Amino acid sequence: MMISKQWRYSGKLIPASLKRVENYPYYRQPIENLFKSQSSISHLNQNNRKEVKNSFYQNPELISHVLVNFAKHIQILEGESLSQLPSLDIAKYSLEMACNLSPDLIEPYLELGYFEYAVCDRAREALEYFNIASEKIAQHPIDKYRRELKQILIGKIKCYIDLNNYDRAREELEKAQTLCPDDSQLEILEYELEEYEYDS
């Protein structure tokens, strides 16, 4: 039996006290688990392991990547009872902390966009995150972030459809099709958009 994501998400805002890394209770556990599973450092003695871990903790970008992956993992977990599952609040906190630690990274904003869209059912808030991610991608060569840009555009299309703004959805779809011609995912999305346009 899969627990509804909505039941696991309380919708609370991240407490101000958690916006400082040292007060954030969730980020150390996934990182500790990462170190336990890394055979590449298992042969190191205690002092060397400590040195590797300390240098890792001093790299905000690496920690942010771990937090994003931790948040993704939480969202796909299934269990027989609610008590067996981490709260989706923790997933959102993890993504927000990743943004705080590494504000130039694109992925945390992209994932927050999909979290707001798919988990919270808040298309307007999701659009804000997708727009931030778009602005950050604009600072880099497109080829470097083609996959991420496609996901951002798909997120925007879905949000505009939910907001009944089919003209903007069509604009974003055309951008995506220029970026990724003959993409099957975009073809399905175009078919869905045409149905909404027809019904309106």
N, C-alpha and C. Protein backbone atom coordinates (compact mmCIF):
# COMPACT_ATOMS: atom_id res chain seq x y z
N MET A 1 0.84 -1.19 0.00
CA MET A 1 0.00 0.00 0.00
C MET A 1 0.88 1.24 0.00
N MET A 2 0.61 2.17 -0.90
CA MET A 2 1.41 3.38 -0.96
C MET A 2 0.69 4.51 -0.23
N ILE A 3 1.43 5.20 0.64
CA ILE A 3 0.86 6.32 1.38
C ILE A 3 0.80 7.54 0.47
N SER A 4 -0.30 8.25 0.49
CA SER A 4 -0.43 9.46 -0.32
C SER A 4 0.61 10.48 0.07
N LYS A 5 1.24 11.08 -0.94
CA LYS A 5 2.25 12.10 -0.67
C LYS A 5 1.63 13.27 0.08
N GLN A 6 0.41 13.61 -0.25
CA GLN A 6 -0.23 14.74 0.40
C GLN A 6 -0.34 14.51 1.91
N TRP A 7 -0.57 13.28 2.33
CA TRP A 7 -0.70 12.99 3.75
C TRP A 7 0.63 13.17 4.47
N ARG A 8 1.71 12.99 3.75
CA ARG A 8 3.04 13.07 4.37
C ARG A 8 3.59 14.48 4.35
N TYR A 9 2.92 15.40 3.70
CA TYR A 9 3.44 16.77 3.61
C TYR A 9 2.54 17.71 4.38
N SER A 10 3.09 18.41 5.38
CA SER A 10 2.26 19.27 6.23
C SER A 10 2.09 20.66 5.65
N GLY A 11 2.97 21.04 4.72
CA GLY A 11 2.87 22.36 4.12
C GLY A 11 3.46 23.46 4.98
N LYS A 12 4.14 23.10 6.07
CA LYS A 12 4.74 24.12 6.93
C LYS A 12 5.93 24.76 6.24
N LEU A 13 6.14 26.04 6.51
CA LEU A 13 7.31 26.72 5.99
C LEU A 13 8.54 26.28 6.78
N ILE A 14 9.69 26.34 6.14
CA ILE A 14 10.92 25.97 6.83
C ILE A 14 11.18 26.95 7.97
N PRO A 15 11.40 26.48 9.17
CA PRO A 15 11.67 27.40 10.29
C PRO A 15 12.93 28.22 10.03
N ALA A 16 12.92 29.46 10.46
CA ALA A 16 14.08 30.34 10.24
C ALA A 16 15.34 29.75 10.84
N SER A 17 15.20 29.03 11.96
CA SER A 17 16.37 28.48 12.63
C SER A 17 17.08 27.43 11.79
N LEU A 18 16.35 26.82 10.86
CA LEU A 18 16.96 25.78 10.02
C LEU A 18 17.66 26.35 8.81
N LYS A 19 17.60 27.65 8.61
CA LYS A 19 18.24 28.23 7.45
C LYS A 19 19.75 28.37 7.64
N ARG A 20 20.23 28.06 8.86
CA ARG A 20 21.66 27.99 9.10
C ARG A 20 22.06 26.53 9.10
N VAL A 21 23.12 26.22 8.37
CA VAL A 21 23.52 24.82 8.19
C VAL A 21 23.74 24.10 9.51
N GLU A 22 24.38 24.77 10.45
CA GLU A 22 24.71 24.09 11.71
C GLU A 22 23.47 23.74 12.52
N ASN A 23 22.33 24.38 12.22
CA ASN A 23 21.09 24.07 12.93
C ASN A 23 20.22 23.07 12.17
N TYR A 24 20.68 22.65 11.02
CA TYR A 24 19.86 21.79 10.16
C TYR A 24 20.04 20.33 10.56
N PRO A 25 19.01 19.66 11.06
CA PRO A 25 19.19 18.33 11.63
C PRO A 25 19.23 17.18 10.63
N TYR A 26 18.93 17.45 9.36
CA TYR A 26 18.74 16.33 8.43
C TYR A 26 19.91 16.07 7.49
N TYR A 27 20.77 17.05 7.30
CA TYR A 27 21.73 16.88 6.22
C TYR A 27 22.87 15.93 6.57
N ARG A 28 23.17 15.74 7.86
CA ARG A 28 24.30 14.88 8.21
C ARG A 28 24.01 13.40 7.97
N GLN A 29 22.77 12.96 8.22
CA GLN A 29 22.48 11.54 8.12
C GLN A 29 22.70 10.98 6.72
N PRO A 30 22.15 11.59 5.66
CA PRO A 30 22.41 11.02 4.34
C PRO A 30 23.88 11.04 3.97
N ILE A 31 24.61 12.04 4.46
CA ILE A 31 26.03 12.12 4.15
C ILE A 31 26.79 11.04 4.91
N GLU A 32 26.43 10.82 6.19
CA GLU A 32 27.07 9.75 6.96
C GLU A 32 26.82 8.40 6.28
N ASN A 33 25.59 8.20 5.80
CA ASN A 33 25.27 6.96 5.10
C ASN A 33 26.10 6.81 3.83
N LEU A 34 26.33 7.93 3.16
CA LEU A 34 27.14 7.91 1.94
C LEU A 34 28.55 7.43 2.26
N PHE A 35 29.12 7.93 3.34
CA PHE A 35 30.48 7.54 3.70
C PHE A 35 30.54 6.07 4.11
N LYS A 36 29.50 5.59 4.79
CA LYS A 36 29.49 4.19 5.20
C LYS A 36 29.47 3.26 4.00
N SER A 37 28.84 3.72 2.90
CA SER A 37 28.67 2.86 1.73
C SER A 37 29.82 2.98 0.73
N GLN A 38 30.74 3.90 0.96
CA GLN A 38 31.82 4.13 -0.02
C GLN A 38 32.99 3.19 0.24
N SER A 39 33.11 2.16 -0.58
CA SER A 39 34.22 1.22 -0.42
C SER A 39 35.56 1.90 -0.69
N SER A 40 35.52 3.01 -1.45
CA SER A 40 36.77 3.70 -1.81
C SER A 40 37.47 4.30 -0.60
N ILE A 41 36.74 4.55 0.49
CA ILE A 41 37.39 5.10 1.68
C ILE A 41 37.39 4.11 2.85
N SER A 42 36.87 2.91 2.61
CA SER A 42 36.75 1.94 3.70
C SER A 42 38.11 1.46 4.20
N HIS A 43 39.14 1.54 3.33
CA HIS A 43 40.47 1.06 3.71
C HIS A 43 41.25 2.10 4.52
N LEU A 44 40.74 3.33 4.59
CA LEU A 44 41.46 4.40 5.29
C LEU A 44 41.37 4.22 6.80
N ASN A 45 42.42 4.65 7.48
CA ASN A 45 42.36 4.59 8.94
C ASN A 45 41.44 5.69 9.46
N GLN A 46 41.18 5.66 10.76
CA GLN A 46 40.19 6.57 11.36
C GLN A 46 40.53 8.04 11.11
N ASN A 47 41.79 8.41 11.27
CA ASN A 47 42.20 9.80 11.08
C ASN A 47 42.02 10.26 9.64
N ASN A 48 42.40 9.39 8.69
CA ASN A 48 42.26 9.75 7.28
C ASN A 48 40.80 9.84 6.86
N ARG A 49 39.99 8.93 7.41
CA ARG A 49 38.56 9.00 7.11
C ARG A 49 37.97 10.31 7.62
N LYS A 50 38.41 10.71 8.82
CA LYS A 50 37.93 11.96 9.40
C LYS A 50 38.32 13.14 8.52
N GLU A 51 39.53 13.09 8.00
CA GLU A 51 40.01 14.18 7.15
C GLU A 51 39.19 14.28 5.87
N VAL A 52 38.90 13.12 5.27
CA VAL A 52 38.09 13.09 4.04
C VAL A 52 36.70 13.64 4.33
N LYS A 53 36.11 13.22 5.44
CA LYS A 53 34.76 13.68 5.78
C LYS A 53 34.74 15.18 6.06
N ASN A 54 35.76 15.66 6.77
CA ASN A 54 35.80 17.10 7.08
C ASN A 54 35.93 17.93 5.82
N SER A 55 36.74 17.46 4.88
CA SER A 55 36.89 18.22 3.62
C SER A 55 35.58 18.18 2.83
N PHE A 56 34.85 17.06 2.95
CA PHE A 56 33.56 16.96 2.27
C PHE A 56 32.58 17.97 2.86
N TYR A 57 32.54 18.04 4.20
CA TYR A 57 31.62 18.96 4.86
C TYR A 57 31.92 20.41 4.54
N GLN A 58 33.14 20.68 4.11
CA GLN A 58 33.50 22.06 3.77
C GLN A 58 33.21 22.39 2.32
N ASN A 59 32.60 21.45 1.59
CA ASN A 59 32.27 21.68 0.18
C ASN A 59 30.75 21.78 0.04
N PRO A 60 30.21 23.00 0.07
CA PRO A 60 28.74 23.17 0.04
C PRO A 60 28.09 22.56 -1.20
N GLU A 61 28.78 22.60 -2.33
CA GLU A 61 28.16 22.08 -3.55
C GLU A 61 27.96 20.58 -3.47
N LEU A 62 28.95 19.87 -2.95
CA LEU A 62 28.81 18.41 -2.80
C LEU A 62 27.69 18.08 -1.82
N ILE A 63 27.64 18.80 -0.71
CA ILE A 63 26.57 18.57 0.27
C ILE A 63 25.21 18.83 -0.38
N SER A 64 25.13 19.87 -1.21
CA SER A 64 23.86 20.20 -1.87
C SER A 64 23.41 19.08 -2.79
N HIS A 65 24.36 18.48 -3.51
CA HIS A 65 24.01 17.35 -4.39
C HIS A 65 23.47 16.18 -3.57
N VAL A 66 24.08 15.92 -2.43
CA VAL A 66 23.60 14.84 -1.57
C VAL A 66 22.20 15.15 -1.06
N LEU A 67 21.96 16.40 -0.65
CA LEU A 67 20.65 16.79 -0.15
C LEU A 67 19.58 16.65 -1.22
N VAL A 68 19.90 17.02 -2.46
CA VAL A 68 18.92 16.88 -3.56
C VAL A 68 18.59 15.41 -3.78
N ASN A 69 19.61 14.56 -3.80
CA ASN A 69 19.36 13.13 -4.00
C ASN A 69 18.59 12.52 -2.82
N PHE A 70 18.90 12.99 -1.62
CA PHE A 70 18.17 12.57 -0.42
C PHE A 70 16.68 12.92 -0.56
N ALA A 71 16.41 14.15 -1.00
CA ALA A 71 15.02 14.60 -1.18
C ALA A 71 14.30 13.77 -2.23
N LYS A 72 14.97 13.47 -3.32
CA LYS A 72 14.36 12.64 -4.38
C LYS A 72 14.02 11.26 -3.82
N HIS A 73 14.94 10.70 -3.05
CA HIS A 73 14.74 9.37 -2.49
C HIS A 73 13.52 9.34 -1.56
N ILE A 74 13.40 10.34 -0.71
CA ILE A 74 12.26 10.41 0.22
C ILE A 74 10.94 10.40 -0.54
N GLN A 75 10.89 11.11 -1.66
CA GLN A 75 9.62 11.27 -2.40
C GLN A 75 9.13 9.98 -3.04
N ILE A 76 10.03 9.03 -3.28
CA ILE A 76 9.59 7.80 -3.96
C ILE A 76 9.44 6.62 -2.99
N LEU A 77 9.68 6.86 -1.71
CA LEU A 77 9.57 5.76 -0.74
C LEU A 77 8.12 5.32 -0.58
N GLU A 78 7.96 4.02 -0.36
CA GLU A 78 6.64 3.47 -0.07
C GLU A 78 6.74 2.70 1.25
N GLY A 79 5.61 2.59 1.93
CA GLY A 79 5.60 1.84 3.18
C GLY A 79 4.19 1.45 3.56
N GLU A 80 4.10 0.52 4.49
CA GLU A 80 2.79 0.05 4.93
C GLU A 80 2.09 1.06 5.83
N SER A 81 2.87 1.87 6.52
CA SER A 81 2.26 2.85 7.42
C SER A 81 3.02 4.16 7.36
N LEU A 82 2.33 5.21 7.72
CA LEU A 82 2.91 6.55 7.67
C LEU A 82 4.15 6.67 8.55
N SER A 83 4.13 5.97 9.69
CA SER A 83 5.24 6.09 10.64
C SER A 83 6.54 5.53 10.08
N GLN A 84 6.46 4.67 9.06
CA GLN A 84 7.66 4.08 8.48
C GLN A 84 8.36 5.04 7.51
N LEU A 85 7.69 6.11 7.12
CA LEU A 85 8.21 6.97 6.06
C LEU A 85 8.68 8.31 6.59
N PRO A 86 9.80 8.81 6.07
CA PRO A 86 10.20 10.18 6.43
C PRO A 86 9.17 11.16 5.91
N SER A 87 8.95 12.22 6.65
CA SER A 87 8.00 13.24 6.21
C SER A 87 8.51 13.92 4.95
N LEU A 88 7.57 14.27 4.08
CA LEU A 88 7.96 15.02 2.88
C LEU A 88 8.41 16.43 3.23
N ASP A 89 8.09 16.89 4.45
CA ASP A 89 8.64 18.17 4.89
C ASP A 89 10.17 18.11 4.86
N ILE A 90 10.71 16.95 5.23
CA ILE A 90 12.17 16.81 5.25
C ILE A 90 12.72 16.93 3.83
N ALA A 91 11.99 16.39 2.85
CA ALA A 91 12.42 16.52 1.45
C ALA A 91 12.48 17.98 1.04
N LYS A 92 11.43 18.72 1.42
CA LYS A 92 11.42 20.13 1.05
C LYS A 92 12.51 20.91 1.78
N TYR A 93 12.67 20.63 3.07
CA TYR A 93 13.74 21.28 3.84
C TYR A 93 15.10 21.01 3.19
N SER A 94 15.30 19.77 2.76
CA SER A 94 16.58 19.39 2.14
C SER A 94 16.84 20.19 0.87
N LEU A 95 15.81 20.35 0.06
CA LEU A 95 15.96 21.12 -1.18
C LEU A 95 16.20 22.59 -0.89
N GLU A 96 15.48 23.13 0.10
CA GLU A 96 15.68 24.53 0.46
C GLU A 96 17.08 24.76 1.03
N MET A 97 17.56 23.78 1.81
CA MET A 97 18.91 23.92 2.35
C MET A 97 19.94 23.84 1.23
N ALA A 98 19.70 22.99 0.24
CA ALA A 98 20.61 22.91 -0.91
C ALA A 98 20.68 24.26 -1.62
N CYS A 99 19.52 24.93 -1.75
CA CYS A 99 19.51 26.27 -2.36
C CYS A 99 20.30 27.26 -1.52
N ASN A 100 20.14 27.16 -0.20
CA ASN A 100 20.85 28.08 0.70
C ASN A 100 22.35 27.85 0.66
N LEU A 101 22.74 26.58 0.60
CA LEU A 101 24.17 26.25 0.60
C LEU A 101 24.84 26.60 -0.72
N SER A 102 24.14 26.35 -1.83
CA SER A 102 24.72 26.54 -3.16
C SER A 102 23.73 27.27 -4.06
N PRO A 103 23.58 28.58 -3.87
CA PRO A 103 22.55 29.32 -4.61
C PRO A 103 22.75 29.35 -6.13
N ASP A 104 23.95 28.98 -6.59
CA ASP A 104 24.19 28.98 -8.04
C ASP A 104 23.83 27.66 -8.71
N LEU A 105 23.56 26.64 -7.92
CA LEU A 105 23.18 25.34 -8.50
C LEU A 105 21.77 25.42 -9.09
N ILE A 106 21.57 24.71 -10.17
CA ILE A 106 20.28 24.71 -10.87
C ILE A 106 19.34 23.64 -10.32
N GLU A 107 19.88 22.46 -10.05
CA GLU A 107 19.04 21.30 -9.71
C GLU A 107 18.15 21.51 -8.49
N PRO A 108 18.61 22.12 -7.40
CA PRO A 108 17.70 22.29 -6.26
C PRO A 108 16.45 23.10 -6.60
N TYR A 109 16.61 24.15 -7.43
CA TYR A 109 15.45 24.97 -7.82
C TYR A 109 14.53 24.18 -8.75
N LEU A 110 15.13 23.40 -9.64
CA LEU A 110 14.34 22.56 -10.54
C LEU A 110 13.51 21.56 -9.72
N GLU A 111 14.16 20.91 -8.77
CA GLU A 111 13.46 19.92 -7.94
C GLU A 111 12.39 20.56 -7.06
N LEU A 112 12.68 21.76 -6.55
CA LEU A 112 11.65 22.47 -5.77
C LEU A 112 10.45 22.82 -6.64
N GLY A 113 10.71 23.15 -7.89
CA GLY A 113 9.60 23.42 -8.82
C GLY A 113 8.70 22.21 -8.96
N TYR A 114 9.30 21.05 -9.18
CA TYR A 114 8.49 19.84 -9.32
C TYR A 114 7.85 19.43 -7.99
N PHE A 115 8.51 19.71 -6.87
CA PHE A 115 7.92 19.42 -5.56
C PHE A 115 6.65 20.26 -5.37
N GLU A 116 6.75 21.55 -5.66
CA GLU A 116 5.58 22.43 -5.53
C GLU A 116 4.47 21.99 -6.48
N TYR A 117 4.84 21.59 -7.68
CA TYR A 117 3.84 21.21 -8.69
C TYR A 117 3.18 19.86 -8.35
N ALA A 118 4.02 18.85 -8.11
CA ALA A 118 3.49 17.48 -7.99
C ALA A 118 3.03 17.13 -6.59
N VAL A 119 3.73 17.60 -5.57
CA VAL A 119 3.40 17.23 -4.20
C VAL A 119 2.41 18.21 -3.58
N CYS A 120 2.69 19.51 -3.77
CA CYS A 120 1.87 20.54 -3.12
C CYS A 120 0.72 21.03 -4.00
N ASP A 121 0.75 20.69 -5.29
CA ASP A 121 -0.29 21.12 -6.22
C ASP A 121 -0.39 22.65 -6.26
N ARG A 122 0.77 23.31 -6.33
CA ARG A 122 0.81 24.77 -6.36
C ARG A 122 1.58 25.21 -7.60
N ALA A 123 0.84 25.40 -8.68
CA ALA A 123 1.47 25.71 -9.96
C ALA A 123 2.17 27.07 -9.96
N ARG A 124 1.57 28.06 -9.32
CA ARG A 124 2.18 29.41 -9.31
C ARG A 124 3.53 29.40 -8.58
N GLU A 125 3.56 28.74 -7.42
CA GLU A 125 4.80 28.66 -6.66
C GLU A 125 5.85 27.86 -7.43
N ALA A 126 5.39 26.79 -8.10
CA ALA A 126 6.31 25.98 -8.90
C ALA A 126 6.94 26.81 -10.02
N LEU A 127 6.13 27.65 -10.66
CA LEU A 127 6.63 28.51 -11.74
C LEU A 127 7.76 29.42 -11.25
N GLU A 128 7.63 29.90 -10.03
CA GLU A 128 8.67 30.78 -9.49
C GLU A 128 10.02 30.06 -9.44
N TYR A 129 10.00 28.81 -9.00
CA TYR A 129 11.24 28.03 -8.94
C TYR A 129 11.76 27.70 -10.34
N PHE A 130 10.84 27.35 -11.25
CA PHE A 130 11.28 27.07 -12.62
C PHE A 130 11.90 28.31 -13.26
N ASN A 131 11.34 29.47 -12.97
CA ASN A 131 11.89 30.72 -13.52
C ASN A 131 13.27 31.03 -12.96
N ILE A 132 13.46 30.77 -11.67
CA ILE A 132 14.79 30.97 -11.07
C ILE A 132 15.80 30.03 -11.73
N ALA A 133 15.40 28.78 -11.91
CA ALA A 133 16.29 27.81 -12.57
C ALA A 133 16.62 28.25 -13.99
N SER A 134 15.63 28.79 -14.70
CA SER A 134 15.85 29.28 -16.08
C SER A 134 16.87 30.41 -16.09
N GLU A 135 16.76 31.32 -15.14
CA GLU A 135 17.70 32.45 -15.06
C GLU A 135 19.11 31.95 -14.81
N LYS A 136 19.25 30.92 -14.00
CA LYS A 136 20.58 30.39 -13.70
C LYS A 136 21.17 29.67 -14.90
N ILE A 137 20.32 28.96 -15.64
CA ILE A 137 20.81 28.26 -16.84
C ILE A 137 21.24 29.26 -17.90
N ALA A 138 20.58 30.40 -17.97
CA ALA A 138 20.91 31.41 -18.98
C ALA A 138 22.34 31.92 -18.85
N GLN A 139 22.95 31.69 -17.69
CA GLN A 139 24.32 32.13 -17.47
C GLN A 139 25.36 31.13 -17.97
N HIS A 140 24.88 30.01 -18.52
CA HIS A 140 25.78 28.93 -18.98
C HIS A 140 25.48 28.58 -20.44
N PRO A 141 26.43 27.91 -21.11
CA PRO A 141 26.14 27.41 -22.47
C PRO A 141 24.98 26.42 -22.42
N ILE A 142 24.08 26.53 -23.38
CA ILE A 142 22.87 25.67 -23.38
C ILE A 142 23.23 24.19 -23.41
N ASP A 143 24.25 23.84 -24.19
CA ASP A 143 24.60 22.42 -24.34
C ASP A 143 24.98 21.78 -23.01
N LYS A 144 25.50 22.57 -22.09
CA LYS A 144 25.92 22.03 -20.81
C LYS A 144 24.73 21.60 -19.96
N TYR A 145 23.59 22.28 -20.14
CA TYR A 145 22.41 22.01 -19.32
C TYR A 145 21.17 21.74 -20.16
N ARG A 146 21.36 21.08 -21.28
CA ARG A 146 20.23 20.80 -22.19
C ARG A 146 19.15 19.97 -21.49
N ARG A 147 19.56 18.93 -20.78
CA ARG A 147 18.58 18.06 -20.10
C ARG A 147 17.80 18.84 -19.05
N GLU A 148 18.51 19.64 -18.26
CA GLU A 148 17.85 20.42 -17.20
C GLU A 148 16.91 21.46 -17.80
N LEU A 149 17.34 22.10 -18.89
CA LEU A 149 16.49 23.11 -19.53
C LEU A 149 15.21 22.48 -20.06
N LYS A 150 15.34 21.29 -20.63
CA LYS A 150 14.15 20.59 -21.12
C LYS A 150 13.18 20.32 -19.96
N GLN A 151 13.71 19.86 -18.81
CA GLN A 151 12.85 19.58 -17.66
C GLN A 151 12.20 20.85 -17.11
N ILE A 152 12.94 21.95 -17.14
CA ILE A 152 12.36 23.23 -16.70
C ILE A 152 11.22 23.63 -17.61
N LEU A 153 11.43 23.53 -18.91
CA LEU A 153 10.39 23.91 -19.88
C LEU A 153 9.16 23.02 -19.73
N ILE A 154 9.37 21.73 -19.54
CA ILE A 154 8.24 20.82 -19.33
C ILE A 154 7.48 21.22 -18.06
N GLY A 155 8.21 21.55 -17.00
CA GLY A 155 7.56 21.99 -15.77
C GLY A 155 6.73 23.24 -16.00
N LYS A 156 7.29 24.19 -16.74
CA LYS A 156 6.55 25.42 -17.02
C LYS A 156 5.30 25.14 -17.84
N ILE A 157 5.42 24.29 -18.85
CA ILE A 157 4.26 23.94 -19.69
C ILE A 157 3.14 23.38 -18.82
N LYS A 158 3.49 22.44 -17.94
CA LYS A 158 2.48 21.82 -17.08
C LYS A 158 1.84 22.84 -16.14
N CYS A 159 2.66 23.74 -15.62
CA CYS A 159 2.12 24.78 -14.72
C CYS A 159 1.16 25.69 -15.47
N TYR A 160 1.54 26.13 -16.67
CA TYR A 160 0.67 27.03 -17.43
C TYR A 160 -0.62 26.34 -17.84
N ILE A 161 -0.54 25.05 -18.12
CA ILE A 161 -1.77 24.30 -18.43
C ILE A 161 -2.68 24.30 -17.21
N ASP A 162 -2.11 24.02 -16.03
CA ASP A 162 -2.91 24.01 -14.80
C ASP A 162 -3.52 25.37 -14.51
N LEU A 163 -2.84 26.43 -14.92
CA LEU A 163 -3.32 27.79 -14.68
C LEU A 163 -4.21 28.30 -15.83
N ASN A 164 -4.52 27.39 -16.77
CA ASN A 164 -5.36 27.71 -17.92
C ASN A 164 -4.76 28.79 -18.82
N ASN A 165 -3.46 28.93 -18.79
CA ASN A 165 -2.78 29.90 -19.66
C ASN A 165 -2.17 29.12 -20.82
N TYR A 166 -3.02 28.77 -21.76
CA TYR A 166 -2.59 27.88 -22.83
C TYR A 166 -1.66 28.57 -23.83
N ASP A 167 -1.78 29.88 -23.98
CA ASP A 167 -0.87 30.60 -24.88
C ASP A 167 0.56 30.53 -24.38
N ARG A 168 0.75 30.75 -23.06
CA ARG A 168 2.09 30.67 -22.50
C ARG A 168 2.61 29.23 -22.54
N ALA A 169 1.71 28.28 -22.32
CA ALA A 169 2.11 26.87 -22.40
C ALA A 169 2.60 26.54 -23.79
N ARG A 170 1.91 27.08 -24.81
CA ARG A 170 2.31 26.86 -26.21
C ARG A 170 3.67 27.50 -26.48
N GLU A 171 3.91 28.69 -25.95
CA GLU A 171 5.20 29.36 -26.13
C GLU A 171 6.35 28.51 -25.57
N GLU A 172 6.14 28.01 -24.36
CA GLU A 172 7.18 27.20 -23.72
C GLU A 172 7.38 25.88 -24.47
N LEU A 173 6.29 25.32 -24.97
CA LEU A 173 6.38 24.08 -25.74
C LEU A 173 7.21 24.29 -27.01
N GLU A 174 7.00 25.41 -27.69
CA GLU A 174 7.76 25.70 -28.90
C GLU A 174 9.25 25.85 -28.59
N LYS A 175 9.57 26.46 -27.46
CA LYS A 175 10.98 26.57 -27.04
C LYS A 175 11.57 25.18 -26.82
N ALA A 176 10.78 24.33 -26.14
CA ALA A 176 11.25 22.97 -25.86
C ALA A 176 11.44 22.17 -27.13
N GLN A 177 10.53 22.33 -28.09
CA GLN A 177 10.64 21.59 -29.35
C GLN A 177 11.83 22.06 -30.18
N THR A 178 12.17 23.35 -30.07
CA THR A 178 13.36 23.86 -30.75
C THR A 178 14.61 23.26 -30.11
N LEU A 179 14.58 23.14 -28.80
CA LEU A 179 15.72 22.59 -28.07
C LEU A 179 15.87 21.09 -28.32
N CYS A 180 14.74 20.38 -28.32
CA CYS A 180 14.75 18.91 -28.45
C CYS A 180 13.74 18.47 -29.50
N PRO A 181 14.07 18.65 -30.79
CA PRO A 181 13.12 18.24 -31.83
C PRO A 181 12.88 16.72 -31.82
N ASP A 182 11.68 16.32 -32.21
CA ASP A 182 11.30 14.90 -32.28
C ASP A 182 11.41 14.18 -30.93
N ASP A 183 11.18 14.90 -29.86
CA ASP A 183 11.23 14.30 -28.53
C ASP A 183 9.86 13.71 -28.20
N SER A 184 9.83 12.42 -27.85
CA SER A 184 8.55 11.73 -27.63
C SER A 184 7.80 12.30 -26.42
N GLN A 185 8.53 12.70 -25.40
CA GLN A 185 7.88 13.27 -24.21
C GLN A 185 7.17 14.57 -24.56
N LEU A 186 7.80 15.38 -25.42
CA LEU A 186 7.19 16.64 -25.84
C LEU A 186 6.00 16.40 -26.76
N GLU A 187 6.06 15.34 -27.55
CA GLU A 187 4.94 15.00 -28.43
C GLU A 187 3.70 14.66 -27.61
N ILE A 188 3.89 13.91 -26.53
CA ILE A 188 2.76 13.56 -25.65
C ILE A 188 2.21 14.83 -24.99
N LEU A 189 3.12 15.70 -24.57
CA LEU A 189 2.70 16.94 -23.91
C LEU A 189 1.94 17.85 -24.88
N GLU A 190 2.38 17.86 -26.14
CA GLU A 190 1.69 18.67 -27.14
C GLU A 190 0.27 18.15 -27.37
N TYR A 191 0.12 16.83 -27.38
CA TYR A 191 -1.20 16.24 -27.56
C TYR A 191 -2.11 16.64 -26.40
N GLU A 192 -1.58 16.60 -25.18
CA GLU A 192 -2.37 17.00 -24.01
C GLU A 192 -2.78 18.47 -24.11
N LEU A 193 -1.82 19.30 -24.51
CA LEU A 193 -2.10 20.73 -24.62
C LEU A 193 -3.18 21.00 -25.68
N GLU A 194 -3.11 20.29 -26.80
CA GLU A 194 -4.10 20.47 -27.86
C GLU A 194 -5.50 20.13 -27.36
N GLU A 195 -5.60 19.10 -26.50
CA GLU A 195 -6.90 18.74 -25.96
C GLU A 195 -7.46 19.86 -25.06
N TYR A 196 -6.59 20.44 -24.25
CA TYR A 196 -7.03 21.56 -23.39
C TYR A 196 -7.43 22.77 -24.25
N GLU A 197 -6.62 23.04 -25.28
CA GLU A 197 -6.92 24.18 -26.16
C GLU A 197 -8.27 23.98 -26.87
N TYR A 198 -8.52 22.75 -27.27
CA TYR A 198 -9.75 22.42 -27.98
C TYR A 198 -10.97 22.61 -27.06
N ASP A 199 -10.80 22.13 -25.80
CA ASP A 199 -11.92 22.21 -24.84
C ASP A 199 -12.19 23.63 -24.35
N SER A 200 -11.18 24.49 -24.46
CA SER A 200 -11.40 25.85 -23.95
C SER A 200 -12.17 26.65 -24.95
